[in-house]
Amino acid sequence: EAGVAVTPGLDFDPLRGGGTLRFSYARATADIAEGLDRL
C-alpha cells in the first residue's frame, strides 16, 4: 500500500517478533525522507 519495504520482527525474535518491525536507514537521505512521508 505504501511502497516501503520494511522487515518483520519475526526475523529477529520468533517469540516476540510478531509485534515488532525493523526500519533500516542505510540508503540515501532523500529516500529516507520519502519513505517517512509514505509511512
Full PDB file with SEQRES, HELIX, SHEET, SSBOND, CRYST1, ORIGX, SCALE, CONECT and MASTER records, all heavy atoms in Angstrom:
SEQRES   1 A   39  GLU ALA GLY VAL ALA VAL THR PRO GLY LEU ASP PHE ASP          
SEQRES   2 A   39  PRO LEU ARG GLY GLY GLY THR LEU ARG PHE SER TYR ALA          
SEQRES   3 A   39  ARG ALA THR ALA ASP ILE ALA GLU GLY LEU ASP ARG LEU          
HELIX    1 AA1 GLY A    9  ASP A   11  5                                   3    
HELIX    2 AA2 GLY A   17  GLY A   19  5                                   3    
HELIX    3 AA3 THR A   29  ARG A   38  1                                  10    
SHEET    1 AA1 2 THR A   7  PRO A   8  0                                        
SHEET    2 AA1 2 LEU A  21  ARG A  22 -1                                        
CRYST1    1.000    1.000    1.000  90.00  90.00  90.00 P 1           1          
ORIGX1      1.000000  0.000000  0.000000        0.00000                         
ORIGX2      0.000000  1.000000  0.000000        0.00000                         
ORIGX3      0.000000  0.000000  1.000000        0.00000                         
SCALE1      1.000000  0.000000  0.000000        0.00000                         
SCALE2      0.000000  1.000000  0.000000        0.00000                         
SCALE3      0.000000  0.000000  1.000000        0.00000                         
ATOM      1  N   GLU A   1       0.797  -1.223   0.000  1.00  0.00           N  
ATOM      2  CA  GLU A   1       0.000   0.000   0.000  1.00  0.00           C  
ATOM      3  C   GLU A   1       0.833   1.277   0.000  1.00  0.00           C  
ATOM      4  O   GLU A   1       0.402   2.305  -0.529  1.00  0.00           O  
ATOM      5  CB  GLU A   1      -0.939  -0.001   1.212  1.00  0.00           C  
ATOM      6  CG  GLU A   1      -1.933  -1.155   1.195  1.00  0.00           C  
ATOM      7  CD  GLU A   1      -2.787  -1.228   2.458  1.00  0.00           C  
ATOM      8  OE1 GLU A   1      -3.063  -0.153   3.052  1.00  0.00           O  
ATOM      9  OE2 GLU A   1      -3.158  -2.344   2.873  1.00  0.00           O  
ATOM     10  N   ALA A   2       2.028   1.232   0.608  1.00  0.00           N  
ATOM     11  CA  ALA A   2       2.838   2.444   0.717  1.00  0.00           C  
ATOM     12  C   ALA A   2       4.088   2.409  -0.157  1.00  0.00           C  
ATOM     13  O   ALA A   2       4.724   3.442  -0.362  1.00  0.00           O  
ATOM     14  CB  ALA A   2       3.250   2.664   2.177  1.00  0.00           C  
ATOM     15  N   GLY A   3       4.445   1.231  -0.644  1.00  0.00           N  
ATOM     16  CA  GLY A   3       5.653   1.130  -1.445  1.00  0.00           C  
ATOM     17  C   GLY A   3       6.914   1.297  -0.630  1.00  0.00           C  
ATOM     18  O   GLY A   3       7.939   1.784  -1.130  1.00  0.00           O  
ATOM     19  N   VAL A   4       6.856   0.891   0.639  1.00  0.00           N  
ATOM     20  CA  VAL A   4       8.027   0.926   1.520  1.00  0.00           C  
ATOM     21  C   VAL A   4       8.287  -0.490   2.011  1.00  0.00           C  
ATOM     22  O   VAL A   4       7.393  -1.139   2.562  1.00  0.00           O  
ATOM     23  CB  VAL A   4       7.815   1.874   2.725  1.00  0.00           C  
ATOM     24  CG1 VAL A   4       9.055   1.879   3.622  1.00  0.00           C  
ATOM     25  CG2 VAL A   4       7.496   3.286   2.247  1.00  0.00           C  
ATOM     26  N   ALA A   5       9.506  -0.974   1.809  1.00  0.00           N  
ATOM     27  CA  ALA A   5       9.882  -2.311   2.265  1.00  0.00           C  
ATOM     28  C   ALA A   5      10.506  -2.205   3.650  1.00  0.00           C  
ATOM     29  O   ALA A   5      11.489  -1.482   3.837  1.00  0.00           O  
ATOM     30  CB  ALA A   5      10.858  -2.952   1.279  1.00  0.00           C  
ATOM     31  N   VAL A   6       9.922  -2.896   4.623  1.00  0.00           N  
ATOM     32  CA  VAL A   6      10.452  -2.949   5.989  1.00  0.00           C  
ATOM     33  C   VAL A   6      10.510  -4.412   6.405  1.00  0.00           C  
ATOM     34  O   VAL A   6       9.914  -5.284   5.771  1.00  0.00           O  
ATOM     35  CB  VAL A   6       9.583  -2.134   6.972  1.00  0.00           C  
ATOM     36  CG1 VAL A   6       9.507  -0.679   6.540  1.00  0.00           C  
ATOM     37  CG2 VAL A   6       8.183  -2.725   7.097  1.00  0.00           C  
ATOM     38  N   THR A   7      11.230  -4.688   7.497  1.00  0.00           N  
ATOM     39  CA  THR A   7      11.463  -6.075   7.890  1.00  0.00           C  
ATOM     40  C   THR A   7      10.628  -6.457   9.100  1.00  0.00           C  
ATOM     41  O   THR A   7      10.672  -5.767  10.127  1.00  0.00           O  
ATOM     42  CB  THR A   7      12.947  -6.302   8.222  1.00  0.00           C  
ATOM     43  OG1 THR A   7      13.735  -5.878   7.116  1.00  0.00           O  
ATOM     44  CG2 THR A   7      13.221  -7.770   8.502  1.00  0.00           C  
ATOM     45  N   PRO A   8       9.873  -7.560   9.024  1.00  0.00           N  
ATOM     46  CA  PRO A   8       9.121  -8.025  10.188  1.00  0.00           C  
ATOM     47  C   PRO A   8      10.053  -8.454  11.310  1.00  0.00           C  
ATOM     48  O   PRO A   8      11.103  -9.053  11.076  1.00  0.00           O  
ATOM     49  CB  PRO A   8       8.344  -9.237   9.645  1.00  0.00           C  
ATOM     50  CG  PRO A   8       8.454  -9.183   8.166  1.00  0.00           C  
ATOM     51  CD  PRO A   8       9.693  -8.429   7.850  1.00  0.00           C  
ATOM     52  N   GLY A   9       9.662  -8.173  12.536  1.00  0.00           N  
ATOM     53  CA  GLY A   9      10.472  -8.569  13.675  1.00  0.00           C  
ATOM     54  C   GLY A   9      10.594 -10.060  13.870  1.00  0.00           C  
ATOM     55  O   GLY A   9      11.478 -10.521  14.598  1.00  0.00           O  
ATOM     56  N   LEU A  10       9.732 -10.834  13.229  1.00  0.00           N  
ATOM     57  CA  LEU A  10       9.810 -12.296  13.341  1.00  0.00           C  
ATOM     58  C   LEU A  10      11.159 -12.821  12.873  1.00  0.00           C  
ATOM     59  O   LEU A  10      11.586 -13.900  13.288  1.00  0.00           O  
ATOM     60  CB  LEU A  10       8.690 -12.951  12.526  1.00  0.00           C  
ATOM     61  CG  LEU A  10       7.289 -12.845  13.122  1.00  0.00           C  
ATOM     62  CD1 LEU A  10       6.238 -13.264  12.089  1.00  0.00           C  
ATOM     63  CD2 LEU A  10       7.173 -13.700  14.374  1.00  0.00           C  
ATOM     64  N   ASP A  11      11.833 -12.095  11.999  1.00  0.00           N  
ATOM     65  CA  ASP A  11      13.164 -12.491  11.563  1.00  0.00           C  
ATOM     66  C   ASP A  11      14.122 -12.565  12.752  1.00  0.00           C  
ATOM     67  O   ASP A  11      14.997 -13.420  12.806  1.00  0.00           O  
ATOM     68  CB  ASP A  11      13.707 -11.471  10.556  1.00  0.00           C  
ATOM     69  CG  ASP A  11      14.227 -12.122   9.282  1.00  0.00           C  
ATOM     70  OD1 ASP A  11      14.204 -13.355   9.178  1.00  0.00           O  
ATOM     71  OD2 ASP A  11      14.654 -11.382   8.382  1.00  0.00           O  
ATOM     72  N   PHE A  12      13.949 -11.662  13.712  1.00  0.00           N  
ATOM     73  CA  PHE A  12      14.929 -11.469  14.774  1.00  0.00           C  
ATOM     74  C   PHE A  12      14.525 -12.091  16.104  1.00  0.00           C  
ATOM     75  O   PHE A  12      15.384 -12.335  16.953  1.00  0.00           O  
ATOM     76  CB  PHE A  12      15.166  -9.962  14.969  1.00  0.00           C  
ATOM     77  CG  PHE A  12      15.392  -9.232  13.680  1.00  0.00           C  
ATOM     78  CD1 PHE A  12      14.392  -8.460  13.110  1.00  0.00           C  
ATOM     79  CD2 PHE A  12      16.596  -9.356  13.000  1.00  0.00           C  
ATOM     80  CE1 PHE A  12      14.582  -7.808  11.907  1.00  0.00           C  
ATOM     81  CE2 PHE A  12      16.797  -8.707  11.792  1.00  0.00           C  
ATOM     82  CZ  PHE A  12      15.796  -7.941  11.245  1.00  0.00           C  
ATOM     83  N   ASP A  13      13.242 -12.332  16.266  1.00  0.00           N  
ATOM     84  CA  ASP A  13      12.732 -12.865  17.529  1.00  0.00           C  
ATOM     85  C   ASP A  13      11.461 -13.659  17.244  1.00  0.00           C  
ATOM     86  O   ASP A  13      10.373 -13.087  17.176  1.00  0.00           O  
ATOM     87  CB  ASP A  13      12.452 -11.706  18.495  1.00  0.00           C  
ATOM     88  CG  ASP A  13      12.102 -12.172  19.899  1.00  0.00           C  
ATOM     89  OD1 ASP A  13      11.741 -13.357  20.063  1.00  0.00           O  
ATOM     90  OD2 ASP A  13      12.198 -11.353  20.832  1.00  0.00           O  
ATOM     91  N   PRO A  14      11.580 -14.989  17.067  1.00  0.00           N  
ATOM     92  CA  PRO A  14      10.403 -15.785  16.714  1.00  0.00           C  
ATOM     93  C   PRO A  14       9.288 -15.741  17.761  1.00  0.00           C  
ATOM     94  O   PRO A  14       8.123 -15.931  17.420  1.00  0.00           O  
ATOM     95  CB  PRO A  14      10.960 -17.207  16.580  1.00  0.00           C  
ATOM     96  CG  PRO A  14      12.403 -17.023  16.268  1.00  0.00           C  
ATOM     97  CD  PRO A  14      12.817 -15.786  17.031  1.00  0.00           C  
ATOM     98  N   LEU A  15       9.632 -15.465  19.023  1.00  0.00           N  
ATOM     99  CA  LEU A  15       8.615 -15.450  20.078  1.00  0.00           C  
ATOM    100  C   LEU A  15       7.890 -14.117  20.167  1.00  0.00           C  
ATOM    101  O   LEU A  15       6.666 -14.072  20.282  1.00  0.00           O  
ATOM    102  CB  LEU A  15       9.251 -15.782  21.427  1.00  0.00           C  
ATOM    103  CG  LEU A  15       9.766 -17.214  21.607  1.00  0.00           C  
ATOM    104  CD1 LEU A  15      10.323 -17.400  23.012  1.00  0.00           C  
ATOM    105  CD2 LEU A  15       8.661 -18.226  21.351  1.00  0.00           C  
ATOM    106  N   ARG A  16       8.623 -13.020  20.113  1.00  0.00           N  
ATOM    107  CA  ARG A  16       8.010 -11.705  20.322  1.00  0.00           C  
ATOM    108  C   ARG A  16       7.975 -10.848  19.071  1.00  0.00           C  
ATOM    109  O   ARG A  16       7.406  -9.749  19.075  1.00  0.00           O  
ATOM    110  CB  ARG A  16       8.777 -10.946  21.419  1.00  0.00           C  
ATOM    111  CG  ARG A  16       8.754 -11.639  22.780  1.00  0.00           C  
ATOM    112  CD  ARG A  16       9.625 -10.900  23.794  1.00  0.00           C  
ATOM    113  NE  ARG A  16      11.039 -10.951  23.431  1.00  0.00           N  
ATOM    114  CZ  ARG A  16      12.006 -10.364  24.127  1.00  0.00           C  
ATOM    115  NH1 ARG A  16      11.724  -9.685  25.211  1.00  0.00           N  
ATOM    116  NH2 ARG A  16      13.271 -10.457  23.730  1.00  0.00           N  
ATOM    117  N   GLY A  17       8.574 -11.339  17.985  1.00  0.00           N  
ATOM    118  CA  GLY A  17       8.733 -10.519  16.799  1.00  0.00           C  
ATOM    119  C   GLY A  17       7.474 -10.254  16.015  1.00  0.00           C  
ATOM    120  O   GLY A  17       7.484  -9.431  15.097  1.00  0.00           O  
ATOM    121  N   GLY A  18       6.373 -10.919  16.364  1.00  0.00           N  
ATOM    122  CA  GLY A  18       5.103 -10.610  15.708  1.00  0.00           C  
ATOM    123  C   GLY A  18       4.626  -9.207  15.999  1.00  0.00           C  
ATOM    124  O   GLY A  18       3.757  -8.688  15.292  1.00  0.00           O  
ATOM    125  N   GLY A  19       5.205  -8.591  17.018  1.00  0.00           N  
ATOM    126  CA  GLY A  19       4.803  -7.238  17.396  1.00  0.00           C  
ATOM    127  C   GLY A  19       5.888  -6.203  17.199  1.00  0.00           C  
ATOM    128  O   GLY A  19       5.851  -5.144  17.840  1.00  0.00           O  
ATOM    129  N   THR A  20       6.867  -6.473  16.307  1.00  0.00           N  
ATOM    130  CA  THR A  20       7.937  -5.514  16.069  1.00  0.00           C  
ATOM    131  C   THR A  20       8.256  -5.411  14.581  1.00  0.00           C  
ATOM    132  O   THR A  20       8.012  -6.344  13.810  1.00  0.00           O  
ATOM    133  CB  THR A  20       9.234  -5.894  16.822  1.00  0.00           C  
ATOM    134  OG1 THR A  20       9.642  -7.206  16.428  1.00  0.00           O  
ATOM    135  CG2 THR A  20       9.024  -5.855  18.339  1.00  0.00           C  
ATOM    136  N   LEU A  21       8.838  -4.276  14.205  1.00  0.00           N  
ATOM    137  CA  LEU A  21       9.355  -4.050  12.856  1.00  0.00           C  
ATOM    138  C   LEU A  21      10.753  -3.462  12.966  1.00  0.00           C  
ATOM    139  O   LEU A  21      11.059  -2.745  13.916  1.00  0.00           O  
ATOM    140  CB  LEU A  21       8.484  -3.060  12.074  1.00  0.00           C  
ATOM    141  CG  LEU A  21       7.064  -3.464  11.686  1.00  0.00           C  
ATOM    142  CD1 LEU A  21       6.364  -2.266  11.033  1.00  0.00           C  
ATOM    143  CD2 LEU A  21       7.054  -4.655  10.749  1.00  0.00           C  
ATOM    144  N   ARG A  22      11.596  -3.758  11.961  1.00  0.00           N  
ATOM    145  CA  ARG A  22      12.886  -3.101  11.862  1.00  0.00           C  
ATOM    146  C   ARG A  22      12.897  -2.204  10.645  1.00  0.00           C  
ATOM    147  O   ARG A  22      12.546  -2.622   9.544  1.00  0.00           O  
ATOM    148  CB  ARG A  22      14.025  -4.124  11.740  1.00  0.00           C  
ATOM    149  CG  ARG A  22      15.414  -3.461  11.802  1.00  0.00           C  
ATOM    150  CD  ARG A  22      16.517  -4.402  11.352  1.00  0.00           C  
ATOM    151  NE  ARG A  22      16.504  -4.603   9.905  1.00  0.00           N  
ATOM    152  CZ  ARG A  22      17.418  -5.311   9.234  1.00  0.00           C  
ATOM    153  NH1 ARG A  22      18.402  -5.899   9.887  1.00  0.00           N  
ATOM    154  NH2 ARG A  22      17.333  -5.441   7.919  1.00  0.00           N  
ATOM    155  N   PHE A  23      13.315  -0.961  10.856  1.00  0.00           N  
ATOM    156  CA  PHE A  23      13.473   0.011   9.782  1.00  0.00           C  
ATOM    157  C   PHE A  23      14.962   0.265   9.581  1.00  0.00           C  
ATOM    158  O   PHE A  23      15.660   0.635  10.521  1.00  0.00           O  
ATOM    159  CB  PHE A  23      12.788   1.328  10.135  1.00  0.00           C  
ATOM    160  CG  PHE A  23      11.309   1.237  10.375  1.00  0.00           C  
ATOM    161  CD1 PHE A  23      10.811   0.928  11.628  1.00  0.00           C  
ATOM    162  CD2 PHE A  23      10.413   1.461   9.336  1.00  0.00           C  
ATOM    163  CE1 PHE A  23       9.448   0.850  11.861  1.00  0.00           C  
ATOM    164  CE2 PHE A  23       9.048   1.381   9.552  1.00  0.00           C  
ATOM    165  CZ  PHE A  23       8.557   1.072  10.821  1.00  0.00           C  
ATOM    166  N   SER A  24      15.450   0.089   8.359  1.00  0.00           N  
ATOM    167  CA  SER A  24      16.836   0.417   8.030  1.00  0.00           C  
ATOM    168  C   SER A  24      16.901   1.811   7.424  1.00  0.00           C  
ATOM    169  O   SER A  24      16.045   2.192   6.625  1.00  0.00           O  
ATOM    170  CB  SER A  24      17.393  -0.604   7.030  1.00  0.00           C  
ATOM    171  OG  SER A  24      18.660  -0.188   6.548  1.00  0.00           O  
ATOM    172  N   TYR A  25      17.934   2.560   7.827  1.00  0.00           N  
ATOM    173  CA  TYR A  25      18.114   3.891   7.230  1.00  0.00           C  
ATOM    174  C   TYR A  25      19.489   4.006   6.584  1.00  0.00           C  
ATOM    175  O   TYR A  25      20.152   5.042   6.640  1.00  0.00           O  
ATOM    176  CB  TYR A  25      17.879   4.999   8.267  1.00  0.00           C  
ATOM    177  CG  TYR A  25      18.701   4.929   9.540  1.00  0.00           C  
ATOM    178  CD1 TYR A  25      19.958   5.523   9.623  1.00  0.00           C  
ATOM    179  CD2 TYR A  25      18.202   4.295  10.670  1.00  0.00           C  
ATOM    180  CE1 TYR A  25      20.698   5.491  10.794  1.00  0.00           C  
ATOM    181  CE2 TYR A  25      18.936   4.255  11.860  1.00  0.00           C  
ATOM    182  CZ  TYR A  25      20.180   4.854  11.910  1.00  0.00           C  
ATOM    183  OH  TYR A  25      20.906   4.822  13.072  1.00  0.00           O  
ATOM    184  N   ALA A  26      19.889   2.931   5.897  1.00  0.00           N  
ATOM    185  CA  ALA A  26      21.217   2.893   5.275  1.00  0.00           C  
ATOM    186  C   ALA A  26      21.262   3.563   3.904  1.00  0.00           C  
ATOM    187  O   ALA A  26      22.344   3.776   3.373  1.00  0.00           O  
ATOM    188  CB  ALA A  26      21.669   1.434   5.147  1.00  0.00           C  
ATOM    189  N   ARG A  27      20.123   3.885   3.344  1.00  0.00           N  
ATOM    190  CA  ARG A  27      20.092   4.414   1.977  1.00  0.00           C  
ATOM    191  C   ARG A  27      20.241   5.933   1.950  1.00  0.00           C  
ATOM    192  O   ARG A  27      20.462   6.577   2.968  1.00  0.00           O  
ATOM    193  CB  ARG A  27      18.782   3.977   1.303  1.00  0.00           C  
ATOM    194  CG  ARG A  27      18.636   2.458   1.126  1.00  0.00           C  
ATOM    195  CD  ARG A  27      19.748   1.874   0.274  1.00  0.00           C  
ATOM    196  NE  ARG A  27      19.599   0.451   0.061  1.00  0.00           N  
ATOM    197  CZ  ARG A  27      19.143  -0.105  -1.059  1.00  0.00           C  
ATOM    198  NH1 ARG A  27      18.786   0.653  -2.076  1.00  0.00           N  
ATOM    199  NH2 ARG A  27      19.053  -1.420  -1.172  1.00  0.00           N  
ATOM    200  N   ALA A  28      20.066   6.503   0.785  1.00  0.00           N  
ATOM    201  CA  ALA A  28      20.228   7.944   0.598  1.00  0.00           C  
ATOM    202  C   ALA A  28      19.212   8.718   1.435  1.00  0.00           C  
ATOM    203  O   ALA A  28      18.078   8.261   1.650  1.00  0.00           O  
ATOM    204  CB  ALA A  28      20.078   8.305  -0.879  1.00  0.00           C  
ATOM    205  N   THR A  29      19.587   9.904   1.871  1.00  0.00           N  
ATOM    206  CA  THR A  29      18.720  10.708   2.737  1.00  0.00           C  
ATOM    207  C   THR A  29      17.400  11.041   2.058  1.00  0.00           C  
ATOM    208  O   THR A  29      16.344  11.035   2.705  1.00  0.00           O  
ATOM    209  CB  THR A  29      19.461  11.990   3.156  1.00  0.00           C  
ATOM    210  OG1 THR A  29      20.635  11.620   3.890  1.00  0.00           O  
ATOM    211  CG2 THR A  29      18.585  12.879   4.025  1.00  0.00           C  
ATOM    212  N   ALA A  30      17.432  11.311   0.766  1.00  0.00           N  
ATOM    213  CA  ALA A  30      16.182  11.621   0.051  1.00  0.00           C  
ATOM    214  C   ALA A  30      15.226  10.434   0.108  1.00  0.00           C  
ATOM    215  O   ALA A  30      14.009  10.615   0.235  1.00  0.00           O  
ATOM    216  CB  ALA A  30      16.489  12.000  -1.393  1.00  0.00           C  
ATOM    217  N   ASP A  31      15.752   9.217   0.010  1.00  0.00           N  
ATOM    218  CA  ASP A  31      14.903   8.032   0.110  1.00  0.00           C  
ATOM    219  C   ASP A  31      14.296   7.903   1.496  1.00  0.00           C  
ATOM    220  O   ASP A  31      13.119   7.537   1.653  1.00  0.00           O  
ATOM    221  CB  ASP A  31      15.711   6.771  -0.209  1.00  0.00           C  
ATOM    222  CG  ASP A  31      16.016   6.608  -1.682  1.00  0.00           C  
ATOM    223  OD1 ASP A  31      15.397   7.315  -2.502  1.00  0.00           O  
ATOM    224  OD2 ASP A  31      16.887   5.780  -2.017  1.00  0.00           O  
ATOM    225  N   ILE A  32      15.084   8.180   2.522  1.00  0.00           N  
ATOM    226  CA  ILE A  32      14.582   8.077   3.895  1.00  0.00           C  
ATOM    227  C   ILE A  32      13.459   9.084   4.120  1.00  0.00           C  
ATOM    228  O   ILE A  32      12.409   8.760   4.693  1.00  0.00           O  
ATOM    229  CB  ILE A  32      15.722   8.287   4.913  1.00  0.00           C  
ATOM    230  CG1 ILE A  32      16.824   7.231   4.712  1.00  0.00           C  
ATOM    231  CG2 ILE A  32      15.187   8.247   6.337  1.00  0.00           C  
ATOM    232  CD1 ILE A  32      16.349   5.802   4.755  1.00  0.00           C  
ATOM    233  N   ALA A  33      13.660  10.305   3.650  1.00  0.00           N  
ATOM    234  CA  ALA A  33      12.626  11.330   3.807  1.00  0.00           C  
ATOM    235  C   ALA A  33      11.342  10.924   3.081  1.00  0.00           C  
ATOM    236  O   ALA A  33      10.233  11.047   3.623  1.00  0.00           O  
ATOM    237  CB  ALA A  33      13.133  12.679   3.295  1.00  0.00           C  
ATOM    238  N   GLU A  34      11.475  10.411   1.855  1.00  0.00           N  
ATOM    239  CA  GLU A  34      10.305   9.970   1.094  1.00  0.00           C  
ATOM    240  C   GLU A  34       9.632   8.789   1.782  1.00  0.00           C  
ATOM    241  O   GLU A  34       8.400   8.708   1.863  1.00  0.00           O  
ATOM    242  CB  GLU A  34      10.729   9.593  -0.326  1.00  0.00           C  
ATOM    243  CG  GLU A  34       9.638   8.935  -1.173  1.00  0.00           C  
ATOM    244  CD  GLU A  34       8.457   9.844  -1.473  1.00  0.00           C  
ATOM    245  OE1 GLU A  34       8.602  11.069  -1.348  1.00  0.00           O  
ATOM    246  OE2 GLU A  34       7.384   9.310  -1.826  1.00  0.00           O  
ATOM    247  N   GLY A  35      10.431   7.852   2.289  1.00  0.00           N  
ATOM    248  CA  GLY A  35       9.866   6.700   2.979  1.00  0.00           C  
ATOM    249  C   GLY A  35       9.064   7.092   4.198  1.00  0.00           C  
ATOM    250  O   GLY A  35       7.979   6.547   4.459  1.00  0.00           O  
ATOM    251  N   LEU A  36       9.562   8.054   4.952  1.00  0.00           N  
ATOM    252  CA  LEU A  36       8.833   8.510   6.142  1.00  0.00           C  
ATOM    253  C   LEU A  36       7.520   9.176   5.745  1.00  0.00           C  
ATOM    254  O   LEU A  36       6.494   8.992   6.416  1.00  0.00           O  
ATOM    255  CB  LEU A  36       9.716   9.469   6.938  1.00  0.00           C  
ATOM    256  CG  LEU A  36      10.885   8.820   7.682  1.00  0.00           C  
ATOM    257  CD1 LEU A  36      11.872   9.874   8.167  1.00  0.00           C  
ATOM    258  CD2 LEU A  36      10.388   7.973   8.858  1.00  0.00           C  
ATOM    259  N   ASP A  37       7.526   9.951   4.662  1.00  0.00           N  
ATOM    260  CA  ASP A  37       6.275  10.555   4.177  1.00  0.00           C  
ATOM    261  C   ASP A  37       5.266   9.475   3.797  1.00  0.00           C  
ATOM    262  O   ASP A  37       4.073   9.577   4.121  1.00  0.00           O  
ATOM    263  CB  ASP A  37       6.557  11.447   2.969  1.00  0.00           C  
ATOM    264  CG  ASP A  37       7.245  12.755   3.343  1.00  0.00           C  
ATOM    265  OD1 ASP A  37       7.240  13.113   4.532  1.00  0.00           O  
ATOM    266  OD2 ASP A  37       7.797  13.414   2.434  1.00  0.00           O  
ATOM    267  N   ARG A  38       5.744   8.451   3.112  1.00  0.00           N  
ATOM    268  CA  ARG A  38       4.838   7.370   2.703  1.00  0.00           C  
ATOM    269  C   ARG A  38       4.296   6.620   3.916  1.00  0.00           C  
ATOM    270  O   ARG A  38       3.110   6.239   3.941  1.00  0.00           O  
ATOM    271  CB  ARG A  38       5.568   6.405   1.778  1.00  0.00           C  
ATOM    272  CG  ARG A  38       5.946   6.977   0.426  1.00  0.00           C  
ATOM    273  CD  ARG A  38       6.538   5.890  -0.458  1.00  0.00           C  
ATOM    274  NE  ARG A  38       7.046   6.418  -1.711  1.00  0.00           N  
ATOM    275  CZ  ARG A  38       7.443   5.663  -2.740  1.00  0.00           C  
ATOM    276  NH1 ARG A  38       7.403   4.331  -2.622  1.00  0.00           N  
ATOM    277  NH2 ARG A  38       7.887   6.205  -3.852  1.00  0.00           N  
ATOM    278  N   LEU A  39       5.149   6.378   4.898  1.00  0.00           N  
ATOM    279  CA  LEU A  39       4.689   5.686   6.107  1.00  0.00           C  
ATOM    280  C   LEU A  39       3.635   6.507   6.827  1.00  0.00           C  
ATOM    281  O   LEU A  39       2.636   5.968   7.337  1.00  0.00           O  
ATOM    282  CB  LEU A  39       5.874   5.424   7.038  1.00  0.00           C  
ATOM    283  CG  LEU A  39       6.857   4.345   6.592  1.00  0.00           C  
ATOM    284  CD1 LEU A  39       8.103   4.373   7.472  1.00  0.00           C  
ATOM    285  CD2 LEU A  39       6.228   2.954   6.630  1.00  0.00           C  
TER     286      LEU A  39                                                      
MASTER        0    0    0    3    2    0    0    6  285    1    0    3          
END                                                                             
